[in-house]
């Protein structure tokens, strides 16, 4: 990570999903966590998150993912849609382009769920 990247603050257990290591999850908690972790299970989506996390502006235009990822624009949009549906990124439409940024709270809640 570069110097302009901020760290992710992990909320207290009361603010997010419980740790999967602390107590059994109910069905709703398991489904919520599963959607986030499932979205992270693809190398392209992990690279998207990495690009967003290291962006000095804190956001990246959808058009700027195509080159670094070596994927077509429809493929990039597909991966961003999955990340967005899982709550890991959010988009802001500006004219014909969408600018994406990380949902750091959602990432922190997933991280907290596997912390001991």
PDB file of N, CA and C in Angstrom:
ATOM      1  N   UNK A   1       0.838  -1.185   0.000  1.00  0.00           N
ATOM      2  CA  UNK A   1       0.000   0.000   0.000  1.00  0.00           C
ATOM      3  C   UNK A   1       0.878   1.242   0.000  1.00  0.00           C
ATOM      4  N   UNK A   2       0.389   2.326  -0.603  1.00  0.00           N
ATOM      5  CA  UNK A   2       1.173   3.546  -0.629  1.00  0.00           C
ATOM      6  C   UNK A   2       0.814   4.434   0.547  1.00  0.00           C
ATOM      7  N   UNK A   3       1.539   5.562   0.649  1.00  0.00           N
ATOM      8  CA  UNK A   3       1.360   6.426   1.807  1.00  0.00           C
ATOM      9  C   UNK A   3      -0.020   7.071   1.884  1.00  0.00           C
ATOM     10  N   UNK A   4      -0.688   7.243   0.743  1.00  0.00           N
ATOM     11  CA  UNK A   4      -1.985   7.914   0.756  1.00  0.00           C
ATOM     12  C   UNK A   4      -3.132   6.978   1.113  1.00  0.00           C
ATOM     13  N   UNK A   5      -2.844   5.701   1.257  1.00  0.00           N
ATOM     14  CA  UNK A   5      -3.885   4.739   1.577  1.00  0.00           C
ATOM     15  C   UNK A   5      -4.166   4.768   3.071  1.00  0.00           C
ATOM     16  N   UNK A   6      -5.423   4.890   3.426  1.00  0.00           N
ATOM     17  CA  UNK A   6      -5.781   4.879   4.833  1.00  0.00           C
ATOM     18  C   UNK A   6      -5.974   3.437   5.298  1.00  0.00           C
ATOM     19  N   UNK A   7      -5.821   3.236   6.579  1.00  0.00           N
ATOM     20  CA  UNK A   7      -6.023   1.904   7.126  1.00  0.00           C
ATOM     21  C   UNK A   7      -7.496   1.660   7.345  1.00  0.00           C
ATOM     22  N   UNK A   8      -7.845   0.405   7.451  1.00  0.00           N
ATOM     23  CA  UNK A   8      -9.235   0.033   7.693  1.00  0.00           C
ATOM     24  C   UNK A   8      -9.416  -0.144   9.190  1.00  0.00           C
ATOM     25  N   UNK A   9     -10.306   0.649   9.778  1.00  0.00           N
ATOM     26  CA  UNK A   9     -10.623   0.521  11.190  1.00  0.00           C
ATOM     27  C   UNK A   9     -11.652  -0.587  11.357  1.00  0.00           C
ATOM     28  N   UNK A  10     -11.348  -1.524  12.227  1.00  0.00           N
ATOM     29  CA  UNK A  10     -12.268  -2.624  12.474  1.00  0.00           C
ATOM     30  C   UNK A  10     -13.235  -2.211  13.567  1.00  0.00           C
ATOM     31  N   UNK A  11     -14.528  -2.196  13.254  1.00  0.00           N
ATOM     32  CA  UNK A  11     -15.515  -1.833  14.268  1.00  0.00           C
ATOM     33  C   UNK A  11     -15.563  -2.870  15.389  1.00  0.00           C
ATOM     34  N   UNK A  12     -16.124  -2.468  16.498  1.00  0.00           N
ATOM     35  CA  UNK A  12     -16.276  -3.408  17.596  1.00  0.00           C
ATOM     36  C   UNK A  12     -17.265  -4.497  17.200  1.00  0.00           C
ATOM     37  N   UNK A  13     -17.231  -5.650  17.861  1.00  0.00           N
ATOM     38  CA  UNK A  13     -18.154  -6.734  17.519  1.00  0.00           C
ATOM     39  C   UNK A  13     -19.622  -6.328  17.584  1.00  0.00           C
ATOM     40  N   UNK A  14     -19.956  -5.336  18.405  1.00  0.00           N
ATOM     41  CA  UNK A  14     -21.345  -4.889  18.495  1.00  0.00           C
ATOM     42  C   UNK A  14     -21.787  -4.165  17.231  1.00  0.00           C
ATOM     43  N   UNK A  15     -20.835  -3.652  16.437  1.00  0.00           N
ATOM     44  CA  UNK A  15     -21.158  -2.858  15.254  1.00  0.00           C
ATOM     45  C   UNK A  15     -21.236  -3.691  13.978  1.00  0.00           C
ATOM     46  N   UNK A  16     -20.798  -4.928  14.017  1.00  0.00           N
ATOM     47  CA  UNK A  16     -20.792  -5.719  12.786  1.00  0.00           C
ATOM     48  C   UNK A  16     -21.157  -7.166  13.099  1.00  0.00           C
ATOM     49  N   UNK A  17     -20.947  -7.986  12.116  1.00  0.00           N
ATOM     50  CA  UNK A  17     -21.248  -9.412  12.303  1.00  0.00           C
ATOM     51  C   UNK A  17     -20.360 -10.001  13.382  1.00  0.00           C
ATOM     52  N   UNK A  18     -20.859 -10.979  14.115  1.00  0.00           N
ATOM     53  CA  UNK A  18     -20.034 -11.601  15.153  1.00  0.00           C
ATOM     54  C   UNK A  18     -18.922 -12.422  14.525  1.00  0.00           C
ATOM     55  N   UNK A  19     -17.870 -12.669  15.277  1.00  0.00           N
ATOM     56  CA  UNK A  19     -16.777 -13.498  14.796  1.00  0.00           C
ATOM     57  C   UNK A  19     -17.274 -14.925  14.615  1.00  0.00           C
ATOM     58  N   UNK A  20     -16.927 -15.521  13.491  1.00  0.00           N
ATOM     59  CA  UNK A  20     -17.307 -16.912  13.255  1.00  0.00           C
ATOM     60  C   UNK A  20     -16.559 -17.837  14.206  1.00  0.00           C
ATOM     61  N   UNK A  21     -15.515 -17.324  14.846  1.00  0.00           N
ATOM     62  CA  UNK A  21     -14.722 -18.123  15.765  1.00  0.00           C
ATOM     63  C   UNK A  21     -15.202 -17.993  17.213  1.00  0.00           C
ATOM     64  N   UNK A  22     -16.093 -17.032  17.474  1.00  0.00           N
ATOM     65  CA  UNK A  22     -16.522 -16.778  18.845  1.00  0.00           C
ATOM     66  C   UNK A  22     -17.786 -17.529  19.231  1.00  0.00           C
ATOM     67  N   UNK A  23     -18.692 -17.695  18.278  1.00  0.00           N
ATOM     68  CA  UNK A  23     -19.977 -18.333  18.587  1.00  0.00           C
ATOM     69  C   UNK A  23     -20.603 -18.821  17.287  1.00  0.00           C
ATOM     70  N   UNK A  24     -21.487 -19.803  17.380  1.00  0.00           N
ATOM     71  CA  UNK A  24     -22.172 -20.262  16.169  1.00  0.00           C
ATOM     72  C   UNK A  24     -22.995 -19.129  15.550  1.00  0.00           C
ATOM     73  N   UNK A  25     -23.000 -19.079  14.233  1.00  0.00           N
ATOM     74  CA  UNK A  25     -23.765 -18.062  13.506  1.00  0.00           C
ATOM     75  C   UNK A  25     -25.185 -18.547  13.268  1.00  0.00           C
ATOM     76  N   UNK A  26     -26.128 -17.605  13.254  1.00  0.00           N
ATOM     77  CA  UNK A  26     -27.462 -17.992  12.822  1.00  0.00           C
ATOM     78  C   UNK A  26     -27.499 -17.919  11.294  1.00  0.00           C
ATOM     79  N   UNK A  27     -28.591 -18.327  10.697  1.00  0.00           N
ATOM     80  CA  UNK A  27     -28.688 -18.413   9.236  1.00  0.00           C
ATOM     81  C   UNK A  27     -28.510 -17.052   8.565  1.00  0.00           C
ATOM     82  N   UNK A  28     -29.098 -16.007   9.133  1.00  0.00           N
ATOM     83  CA  UNK A  28     -28.996 -14.666   8.530  1.00  0.00           C
ATOM     84  C   UNK A  28     -27.567 -14.143   8.577  1.00  0.00           C
ATOM     85  N   UNK A  29     -26.898 -14.345   9.711  1.00  0.00           N
ATOM     86  CA  UNK A  29     -25.504 -13.903   9.836  1.00  0.00           C
ATOM     87  C   UNK A  29     -24.613 -14.656   8.849  1.00  0.00           C
ATOM     88  N   UNK A  30     -24.825 -15.946   8.738  1.00  0.00           N
ATOM     89  CA  UNK A  30     -24.027 -16.757   7.812  1.00  0.00           C
ATOM     90  C   UNK A  30     -24.258 -16.328   6.368  1.00  0.00           C
ATOM     91  N   UNK A  31     -25.500 -16.035   6.004  1.00  0.00           N
ATOM     92  CA  UNK A  31     -25.800 -15.597   4.636  1.00  0.00           C
ATOM     93  C   UNK A  31     -25.149 -14.253   4.335  1.00  0.00           C
ATOM     94  N   UNK A  32     -25.199 -13.337   5.282  1.00  0.00           N
ATOM     95  CA  UNK A  32     -24.587 -12.015   5.103  1.00  0.00           C
ATOM     96  C   UNK A  32     -23.081 -12.123   4.908  1.00  0.00           C
ATOM     97  N   UNK A  33     -22.428 -12.892   5.743  1.00  0.00           N
ATOM     98  CA  UNK A  33     -20.986 -13.072   5.610  1.00  0.00           C
ATOM     99  C   UNK A  33     -20.638 -13.813   4.330  1.00  0.00           C
ATOM    100  N   UNK A  34     -21.416 -14.811   3.991  1.00  0.00           N
ATOM    101  CA  UNK A  34     -21.159 -15.605   2.797  1.00  0.00           C
ATOM    102  C   UNK A  34     -21.197 -14.751   1.538  1.00  0.00           C
ATOM    103  N   UNK A  35     -22.121 -13.813   1.457  1.00  0.00           N
ATOM    104  CA  UNK A  35     -22.200 -12.971   0.260  1.00  0.00           C
ATOM    105  C   UNK A  35     -20.932 -12.144   0.093  1.00  0.00           C
ATOM    106  N   UNK A  36     -20.391 -11.638   1.179  1.00  0.00           N
ATOM    107  CA  UNK A  36     -19.150 -10.863   1.108  1.00  0.00           C
ATOM    108  C   UNK A  36     -17.956 -11.714   0.751  1.00  0.00           C
ATOM    109  N   UNK A  37     -17.818 -12.846   1.440  1.00  0.00           N
ATOM    110  CA  UNK A  37     -16.662 -13.708   1.169  1.00  0.00           C
ATOM    111  C   UNK A  37     -16.743 -14.336  -0.215  1.00  0.00           C
ATOM    112  N   UNK A  38     -17.934 -14.641  -0.678  1.00  0.00           N
ATOM    113  CA  UNK A  38     -18.098 -15.193  -2.019  1.00  0.00           C
ATOM    114  C   UNK A  38     -17.632 -14.190  -3.073  1.00  0.00           C
ATOM    115  N   UNK A  39     -17.965 -12.924  -2.882  1.00  0.00           N
ATOM    116  CA  UNK A  39     -17.540 -11.888  -3.829  1.00  0.00           C
ATOM    117  C   UNK A  39     -16.022 -11.751  -3.858  1.00  0.00           C
ATOM    118  N   UNK A  40     -15.375 -12.079  -2.756  1.00  0.00           N
ATOM    119  CA  UNK A  40     -13.916 -11.978  -2.682  1.00  0.00           C
ATOM    120  C   UNK A  40     -13.198 -13.202  -3.235  1.00  0.00           C
ATOM    121  N   UNK A  41     -13.940 -14.206  -3.664  1.00  0.00           N
ATOM    122  CA  UNK A  41     -13.319 -15.478  -4.053  1.00  0.00           C
ATOM    123  C   UNK A  41     -12.804 -15.508  -5.487  1.00  0.00           C
ATOM    124  N   UNK A  42     -12.791 -14.388  -6.165  1.00  0.00           N
ATOM    125  CA  UNK A  42     -12.322 -14.333  -7.543  1.00  0.00           C
ATOM    126  C   UNK A  42     -11.074 -13.453  -7.635  1.00  0.00           C
ATOM    127  N   UNK A  43     -10.027 -13.908  -8.325  1.00  0.00           N
ATOM    128  CA  UNK A  43      -8.793 -13.114  -8.420  1.00  0.00           C
ATOM    129  C   UNK A  43      -8.997 -11.740  -9.057  1.00  0.00           C
ATOM    130  N   UNK A  44      -9.867 -11.637 -10.040  1.00  0.00           N
ATOM    131  CA  UNK A  44     -10.108 -10.335 -10.679  1.00  0.00           C
ATOM    132  C   UNK A  44     -10.727  -9.373  -9.679  1.00  0.00           C
ATOM    133  N   UNK A  45     -11.671  -9.846  -8.893  1.00  0.00           N
ATOM    134  CA  UNK A  45     -12.316  -8.973  -7.913  1.00  0.00           C
ATOM    135  C   UNK A  45     -11.341  -8.568  -6.808  1.00  0.00           C
ATOM    136  N   UNK A  46     -10.452  -9.448  -6.430  1.00  0.00           N
ATOM    137  CA  UNK A  46      -9.422  -9.074  -5.455  1.00  0.00           C
ATOM    138  C   UNK A  46      -8.505  -8.000  -6.029  1.00  0.00           C
ATOM    139  N   UNK A  47      -8.189  -8.095  -7.312  1.00  0.00           N
ATOM    140  CA  UNK A  47      -7.371  -7.068  -7.957  1.00  0.00           C
ATOM    141  C   UNK A  47      -8.111  -5.739  -8.024  1.00  0.00           C
ATOM    142  N   UNK A  48      -9.418  -5.780  -8.284  1.00  0.00           N
ATOM    143  CA  UNK A  48     -10.225  -4.554  -8.284  1.00  0.00           C
ATOM    144  C   UNK A  48     -10.132  -3.886  -6.915  1.00  0.00           C
ATOM    145  N   UNK A  49     -10.305  -4.659  -5.853  1.00  0.00           N
ATOM    146  CA  UNK A  49     -10.218  -4.095  -4.503  1.00  0.00           C
ATOM    147  C   UNK A  49      -8.842  -3.514  -4.239  1.00  0.00           C
ATOM    148  N   UNK A  50      -7.808  -4.186  -4.711  1.00  0.00           N
ATOM    149  CA  UNK A  50      -6.441  -3.699  -4.531  1.00  0.00           C
ATOM    150  C   UNK A  50      -6.229  -2.374  -5.255  1.00  0.00           C
ATOM    151  N   UNK A  51      -6.733  -2.277  -6.476  1.00  0.00           N
ATOM    152  CA  UNK A  51      -6.623  -1.034  -7.245  1.00  0.00           C
ATOM    153  C   UNK A  51      -7.349   0.093  -6.520  1.00  0.00           C
ATOM    154  N   UNK A  52      -8.539  -0.180  -6.030  1.00  0.00           N
ATOM    155  CA  UNK A  52      -9.294   0.834  -5.296  1.00  0.00           C
ATOM    156  C   UNK A  52      -8.589   1.234  -4.003  1.00  0.00           C
ATOM    157  N   UNK A  53      -8.064   0.260  -3.291  1.00  0.00           N
ATOM    158  CA  UNK A  53      -7.419   0.535  -2.003  1.00  0.00           C
ATOM    159  C   UNK A  53      -6.158   1.375  -2.160  1.00  0.00           C
ATOM    160  N   UNK A  54      -5.481   1.244  -3.287  1.00  0.00           N
ATOM    161  CA  UNK A  54      -4.230   1.972  -3.486  1.00  0.00           C
ATOM    162  C   UNK A  54      -4.403   3.234  -4.319  1.00  0.00           C
ATOM    163  N   UNK A  55      -5.620   3.555  -4.691  1.00  0.00           N
ATOM    164  CA  UNK A  55      -5.876   4.772  -5.462  1.00  0.00           C
ATOM    165  C   UNK A  55      -5.651   6.002  -4.590  1.00  0.00           C
ATOM    166  N   UNK A  56      -4.832   6.926  -5.070  1.00  0.00           N
ATOM    167  CA  UNK A  56      -4.558   8.129  -4.286  1.00  0.00           C
ATOM    168  C   UNK A  56      -5.793   9.014  -4.163  1.00  0.00           C
ATOM    169  N   UNK A  57      -6.725   8.902  -5.115  1.00  0.00           N
ATOM    170  CA  UNK A  57      -7.943   9.694  -5.062  1.00  0.00           C
ATOM    171  C   UNK A  57      -9.045   9.027  -4.245  1.00  0.00           C
ATOM    172  N   UNK A  58      -8.887   7.759  -3.928  1.00  0.00           N
ATOM    173  CA  UNK A  58      -9.903   7.041  -3.165  1.00  0.00           C
ATOM    174  C   UNK A  58     -11.041   6.515  -4.015  1.00  0.00           C
ATOM    175  N   UNK A  59     -10.962   6.749  -5.321  1.00  0.00           N
ATOM    176  CA  UNK A  59     -11.976   6.256  -6.246  1.00  0.00           C
ATOM    177  C   UNK A  59     -11.332   6.063  -7.616  1.00  0.00           C
ATOM    178  N   UNK A  60     -11.978   5.204  -8.424  1.00  0.00           N
ATOM    179  CA  UNK A  60     -11.454   4.881  -9.745  1.00  0.00           C
ATOM    180  C   UNK A  60     -12.627   4.818 -10.716  1.00  0.00           C
ATOM    181  N   UNK A  61     -12.433   5.417 -11.896  1.00  0.00           N
ATOM    182  CA  UNK A  61     -13.452   5.349 -12.943  1.00  0.00           C
ATOM    183  C   UNK A  61     -13.487   3.932 -13.506  1.00  0.00           C
ATOM    184  N   UNK A  62     -14.670   3.445 -13.805  1.00  0.00           N
ATOM    185  CA  UNK A  62     -14.823   2.105 -14.368  1.00  0.00           C
ATOM    186  C   UNK A  62     -13.933   1.936 -15.598  1.00  0.00           C
ATOM    187  N   UNK A  63     -13.762   2.982 -16.380  1.00  0.00           N
ATOM    188  CA  UNK A  63     -12.948   2.903 -17.598  1.00  0.00           C
ATOM    189  C   UNK A  63     -11.474   2.653 -17.296  1.00  0.00           C
ATOM    190  N   UNK A  64     -11.020   2.985 -16.095  1.00  0.00           N
ATOM    191  CA  UNK A  64      -9.608   2.830 -15.736  1.00  0.00           C
ATOM    192  C   UNK A  64      -9.249   1.447 -15.209  1.00  0.00           C
ATOM    193  N   UNK A  65     -10.202   0.540 -15.128  1.00  0.00           N
ATOM    194  CA  UNK A  65      -9.906  -0.836 -14.710  1.00  0.00           C
ATOM    195  C   UNK A  65      -9.532  -1.731 -15.891  1.00  0.00           C
ATOM    196  N   UNK A  66      -9.999  -1.392 -17.081  1.00  0.00           N
ATOM    197  CA  UNK A  66      -9.849  -2.262 -18.247  1.00  0.00           C
ATOM    198  C   UNK A  66      -8.383  -2.585 -18.522  1.00  0.00           C
ATOM    199  N   UNK A  67      -7.536  -1.577 -18.614  1.00  0.00           N
ATOM    200  CA  UNK A  67      -6.121  -1.795 -18.918  1.00  0.00           C
ATOM    201  C   UNK A  67      -5.399  -2.619 -17.869  1.00  0.00           C
ATOM    202  N   UNK A  68      -5.418  -2.180 -16.601  1.00  0.00           N
ATOM    203  CA  UNK A  68      -4.693  -2.923 -15.564  1.00  0.00           C
ATOM    204  C   UNK A  68      -5.165  -4.370 -15.376  1.00  0.00           C
ATOM    205  N   UNK A  69      -6.451  -4.598 -15.569  1.00  0.00           N
ATOM    206  CA  UNK A  69      -6.990  -5.950 -15.368  1.00  0.00           C
ATOM    207  C   UNK A  69      -6.840  -6.820 -16.615  1.00  0.00           C
ATOM    208  N   UNK A  70      -6.675  -6.191 -17.780  1.00  0.00           N
ATOM    209  CA  UNK A  70      -6.586  -6.954 -19.020  1.00  0.00           C
ATOM    210  C   UNK A  70      -7.895  -7.652 -19.355  1.00  0.00           C
ATOM    211  N   UNK A  71      -9.000  -7.037 -18.961  1.00  0.00           N
ATOM    212  CA  UNK A  71     -10.333  -7.601 -19.192  1.00  0.00           C
ATOM    213  C   UNK A  71     -11.158  -6.590 -19.986  1.00  0.00           C
ATOM    214  N   UNK A  72     -12.159  -7.084 -20.680  1.00  0.00           N
ATOM    215  CA  UNK A  72     -13.039  -6.199 -21.445  1.00  0.00           C
ATOM    216  C   UNK A  72     -13.905  -5.377 -20.490  1.00  0.00           C
ATOM    217  N   UNK A  73     -14.451  -4.277 -20.998  1.00  0.00           N
ATOM    218  CA  UNK A  73     -15.299  -3.430 -20.177  1.00  0.00           C
ATOM    219  C   UNK A  73     -16.522  -4.177 -19.648  1.00  0.00           C
ATOM    220  N   UNK A  74     -17.202  -5.011 -20.462  1.00  0.00           N
ATOM    221  CA  UNK A  74     -18.333  -5.763 -19.900  1.00  0.00           C
ATOM    222  C   UNK A  74     -17.921  -6.717 -18.768  1.00  0.00           C
ATOM    223  N   UNK A  75     -16.744  -7.321 -18.891  1.00  0.00           N
ATOM    224  CA  UNK A  75     -16.257  -8.219 -17.832  1.00  0.00           C
ATOM    225  C   UNK A  75     -15.955  -7.436 -16.560  1.00  0.00           C
ATOM    226  N   UNK A  76     -15.309  -6.287 -16.710  1.00  0.00           N
ATOM    227  CA  UNK A  76     -15.019  -5.437 -15.559  1.00  0.00           C
ATOM    228  C   UNK A  76     -16.325  -5.019 -14.882  1.00  0.00           C
ATOM    229  N   UNK A  77     -17.310  -4.600 -15.679  1.00  0.00           N
ATOM    230  CA  UNK A  77     -18.599  -4.189 -15.121  1.00  0.00           C
ATOM    231  C   UNK A  77     -19.281  -5.335 -14.373  1.00  0.00           C
ATOM    232  N   UNK A  78     -19.163  -6.548 -14.899  1.00  0.00           N
ATOM    233  CA  UNK A  78     -19.734  -7.725 -14.228  1.00  0.00           C
ATOM    234  C   UNK A  78     -19.116  -7.895 -12.839  1.00  0.00           C
ATOM    235  N   UNK A  79     -17.787  -7.814 -12.759  1.00  0.00           N
ATOM    236  CA  UNK A  79     -17.118  -7.994 -11.472  1.00  0.00           C
ATOM    237  C   UNK A  79     -17.461  -6.861 -10.502  1.00  0.00           C
ATOM    238  N   UNK A  80     -17.549  -5.636 -11.009  1.00  0.00           N
ATOM    239  CA  UNK A  80     -17.922  -4.518 -10.149  1.00  0.00           C
ATOM    240  C   UNK A  80     -19.356  -4.657  -9.643  1.00  0.00           C
ATOM    241  N   UNK A  81     -20.228  -5.200 -10.467  1.00  0.00           N
ATOM    242  CA  UNK A  81     -21.615  -5.431 -10.042  1.00  0.00           C
ATOM    243  C   UNK A  81     -21.656  -6.428  -8.886  1.00  0.00           C
ATOM    244  N   UNK A  82     -20.883  -7.499  -8.983  1.00  0.00           N
ATOM    245  CA  UNK A  82     -20.855  -8.498  -7.909  1.00  0.00           C
ATOM    246  C   UNK A  82     -20.313  -7.876  -6.621  1.00  0.00           C
ATOM    247  N   UNK A  83     -19.240  -7.097  -6.730  1.00  0.00           N
ATOM    248  CA  UNK A  83     -18.686  -6.431  -5.551  1.00  0.00           C
ATOM    249  C   UNK A  83     -19.673  -5.427  -4.966  1.00  0.00           C
ATOM    250  N   UNK A  84     -20.387  -4.740  -5.833  1.00  0.00           N
ATOM    251  CA  UNK A  84     -21.381  -3.766  -5.383  1.00  0.00           C
ATOM    252  C   UNK A  84     -22.553  -4.452  -4.681  1.00  0.00           C
ATOM    253  N   UNK A  85     -23.047  -5.535  -5.256  1.00  0.00           N
ATOM    254  CA  UNK A  85     -24.161  -6.271  -4.647  1.00  0.00           C
ATOM    255  C   UNK A  85     -23.780  -6.854  -3.292  1.00  0.00           C
ATOM    256  N   UNK A  86     -22.500  -7.168  -3.108  1.00  0.00           N
ATOM    257  CA  UNK A  86     -22.025  -7.684  -1.825  1.00  0.00           C
ATOM    258  C   UNK A  86     -21.720  -6.561  -0.842  1.00  0.00           C
ATOM    259  N   UNK A  87     -21.881  -5.308  -1.290  1.00  0.00           N
ATOM    260  CA  UNK A  87     -21.664  -4.165  -0.411  1.00  0.00           C
ATOM    261  C   UNK A  87     -20.211  -3.784  -0.227  1.00  0.00           C
ATOM    262  N   UNK A  88     -19.316  -4.313  -1.054  1.00  0.00           N
ATOM    263  CA  UNK A  88     -17.889  -4.057  -0.886  1.00  0.00           C
ATOM    264  C   UNK A  88     -17.408  -2.802  -1.597  1.00  0.00           C
ATOM    265  N   UNK A  89     -18.128  -2.388  -2.621  1.00  0.00           N
ATOM    266  CA  UNK A  89     -17.816  -1.141  -3.328  1.00  0.00           C
ATOM    267  C   UNK A  89     -19.110  -0.377  -3.561  1.00  0.00           C
ATOM    268  N   UNK A  90     -18.966   0.911  -3.810  1.00  0.00           N
ATOM    269  CA  UNK A  90     -20.119   1.701  -4.213  1.00  0.00           C
ATOM    270  C   UNK A  90     -19.717   2.540  -5.415  1.00  0.00           C
ATOM    271  N   UNK A  91     -20.707   2.775  -6.275  1.00  0.00           N
ATOM    272  CA  UNK A  91     -20.469   3.548  -7.476  1.00  0.00           C
ATOM    273  C   UNK A  91     -21.192   4.876  -7.446  1.00  0.00           C
ATOM    274  N   UNK A  92     -20.594   5.852  -8.107  1.00  0.00           N
ATOM    275  CA  UNK A  92     -21.172   7.184  -8.213  1.00  0.00           C
ATOM    276  C   UNK A  92     -21.178   7.560  -9.690  1.00  0.00           C
ATOM    277  N   UNK A  93     -22.369   7.585 -10.305  1.00  0.00           N
ATOM    278  CA  UNK A  93     -22.472   7.903 -11.737  1.00  0.00           C
ATOM    279  C   UNK A  93     -22.253   9.391 -11.946  1.00  0.00           C
ATOM    280  N   UNK A  94     -21.335   9.681 -12.884  1.00  0.00           N
ATOM    281  CA  UNK A  94     -21.052  11.057 -13.293  1.00  0.00           C
ATOM    282  C   UNK A  94     -21.077  11.083 -14.808  1.00  0.00           C
ATOM    283  N   UNK A  95     -22.176  11.532 -15.359  1.00  0.00           N
ATOM    284  CA  UNK A  95     -22.332  11.501 -16.808  1.00  0.00           C
ATOM    285  C   UNK A  95     -22.455  10.068 -17.273  1.00  0.00           C
ATOM    286  N   UNK A  96     -21.622   9.679 -18.232  1.00  0.00           N
ATOM    287  CA  UNK A  96     -21.700   8.304 -18.739  1.00  0.00           C
ATOM    288  C   UNK A  96     -20.784   7.333 -17.987  1.00  0.00           C
ATOM    289  N   UNK A  97     -19.970   7.838 -17.061  1.00  0.00           N
ATOM    290  CA  UNK A  97     -19.029   6.986 -16.327  1.00  0.00           C
ATOM    291  C   UNK A  97     -19.464   6.802 -14.877  1.00  0.00           C
ATOM    292  N   UNK A  98     -19.032   5.691 -14.306  1.00  0.00           N
ATOM    293  CA  UNK A  98     -19.269   5.430 -12.886  1.00  0.00           C
ATOM    294  C   UNK A  98     -17.911   5.371 -12.195  1.00  0.00           C
ATOM    295  N   UNK A  99     -17.796   6.080 -11.109  1.00  0.00           N
ATOM    296  CA  UNK A  99     -16.583   6.089 -10.293  1.00  0.00           C
ATOM    297  C   UNK A  99     -16.841   5.210  -9.070  1.00  0.00           C
ATOM    298  N   UNK A 100     -15.919   4.286  -8.804  1.00  0.00           N
ATOM    299  CA  UNK A 100     -16.087   3.328  -7.709  1.00  0.00           C
ATOM    300  C   UNK A 100     -15.123   3.625  -6.569  1.00  0.00           C
ATOM    301  N   UNK A 101     -15.590   3.331  -5.360  1.00  0.00           N
ATOM    302  CA  UNK A 101     -14.771   3.438  -4.156  1.00  0.00           C
ATOM    303  C   UNK A 101     -15.097   2.256  -3.250  1.00  0.00           C
ATOM    304  N   UNK A 102     -14.196   2.005  -2.317  1.00  0.00           N
ATOM    305  CA  UNK A 102     -14.381   0.905  -1.370  1.00  0.00           C
ATOM    306  C   UNK A 102     -15.398   1.268  -0.304  1.00  0.00           C
ATOM    307  N   UNK A 103     -16.126   0.265   0.142  1.00  0.00           N
ATOM    308  CA  UNK A 103     -16.949   0.405   1.337  1.00  0.00           C
ATOM    309  C   UNK A 103     -16.103  -0.177   2.471  1.00  0.00           C
ATOM    310  N   UNK A 104     -15.326   0.668   3.090  1.00  0.00           N
ATOM    311  CA  UNK A 104     -14.362   0.215   4.104  1.00  0.00           C
ATOM    312  C   UNK A 104     -15.055  -0.383   5.335  1.00  0.00           C
ATOM    313  N   UNK A 105     -16.247   0.080   5.656  1.00  0.00           N
ATOM    314  CA  UNK A 105     -16.980  -0.484   6.792  1.00  0.00           C
ATOM    315  C   UNK A 105     -17.342  -1.945   6.532  1.00  0.00           C
ATOM    316  N   UNK A 106     -17.780  -2.239   5.308  1.00  0.00           N
ATOM    317  CA  UNK A 106     -18.146  -3.619   4.950  1.00  0.00           C
ATOM    318  C   UNK A 106     -16.915  -4.518   4.980  1.00  0.00           C
ATOM    319  N   UNK A 107     -15.803  -4.032   4.437  1.00  0.00           N
ATOM    320  CA  UNK A 107     -14.568  -4.817   4.479  1.00  0.00           C
ATOM    321  C   UNK A 107     -14.129  -5.067   5.920  1.00  0.00           C
ATOM    322  N   UNK A 108     -14.265  -4.049   6.756  1.00  0.00           N
ATOM    323  CA  UNK A 108     -13.889  -4.198   8.163  1.00  0.00           C
ATOM    324  C   UNK A 108     -14.769  -5.219   8.861  1.00  0.00           C
ATOM    325  N   UNK A 109     -16.065  -5.253   8.527  1.00  0.00           N
ATOM    326  CA  UNK A 109     -16.948  -6.222   9.180  1.00  0.00           C
ATOM    327  C   UNK A 109     -16.595  -7.642   8.769  1.00  0.00           C
ATOM    328  N   UNK A 110     -16.185  -7.849   7.515  1.00  0.00           N
ATOM    329  CA  UNK A 110     -15.761  -9.190   7.094  1.00  0.00           C
ATOM    330  C   UNK A 110     -14.473  -9.584   7.802  1.00  0.00           C
ATOM    331  N   UNK A 111     -13.568  -8.629   7.905  1.00  0.00           N
ATOM    332  CA  UNK A 111     -12.315  -8.914   8.599  1.00  0.00           C
ATOM    333  C   UNK A 111     -12.573  -9.242  10.070  1.00  0.00           C
ATOM    334  N   UNK A 112     -13.444  -8.484  10.692  1.00  0.00           N
ATOM    335  CA  UNK A 112     -13.755  -8.726  12.105  1.00  0.00           C
ATOM    336  C   UNK A 112     -14.401 -10.090  12.314  1.00  0.00           C
ATOM    337  N   UNK A 113     -15.131 -10.551  11.341  1.00  0.00           N
ATOM    338  CA  UNK A 113     -15.820 -11.838  11.464  1.00  0.00           C
ATOM    339  C   UNK A 113     -14.871 -13.019  11.518  1.00  0.00           C
ATOM    340  N   UNK A 114     -13.647 -12.835  11.012  1.00  0.00           N
ATOM    341  CA  UNK A 114     -12.694 -13.946  11.071  1.00  0.00           C
ATOM    342  C   UNK A 114     -11.549 -13.685  12.056  1.00  0.00           C
ATOM    343  N   UNK A 115     -11.596 -12.533  12.716  1.00  0.00           N
ATOM    344  CA  UNK A 115     -10.614 -12.238  13.774  1.00  0.00           C
ATOM    345  C   UNK A 115     -10.958 -13.071  15.007  1.00  0.00           C
ATOM    346  N   UNK A 116      -9.940 -13.390  15.757  1.00  0.00           N
ATOM    347  CA  UNK A 116     -10.170 -14.119  17.012  1.00  0.00           C
ATOM    348  C   UNK A 116     -10.385 -13.173  18.141  1.00  0.00           C
TER     349      UNK A 116
END
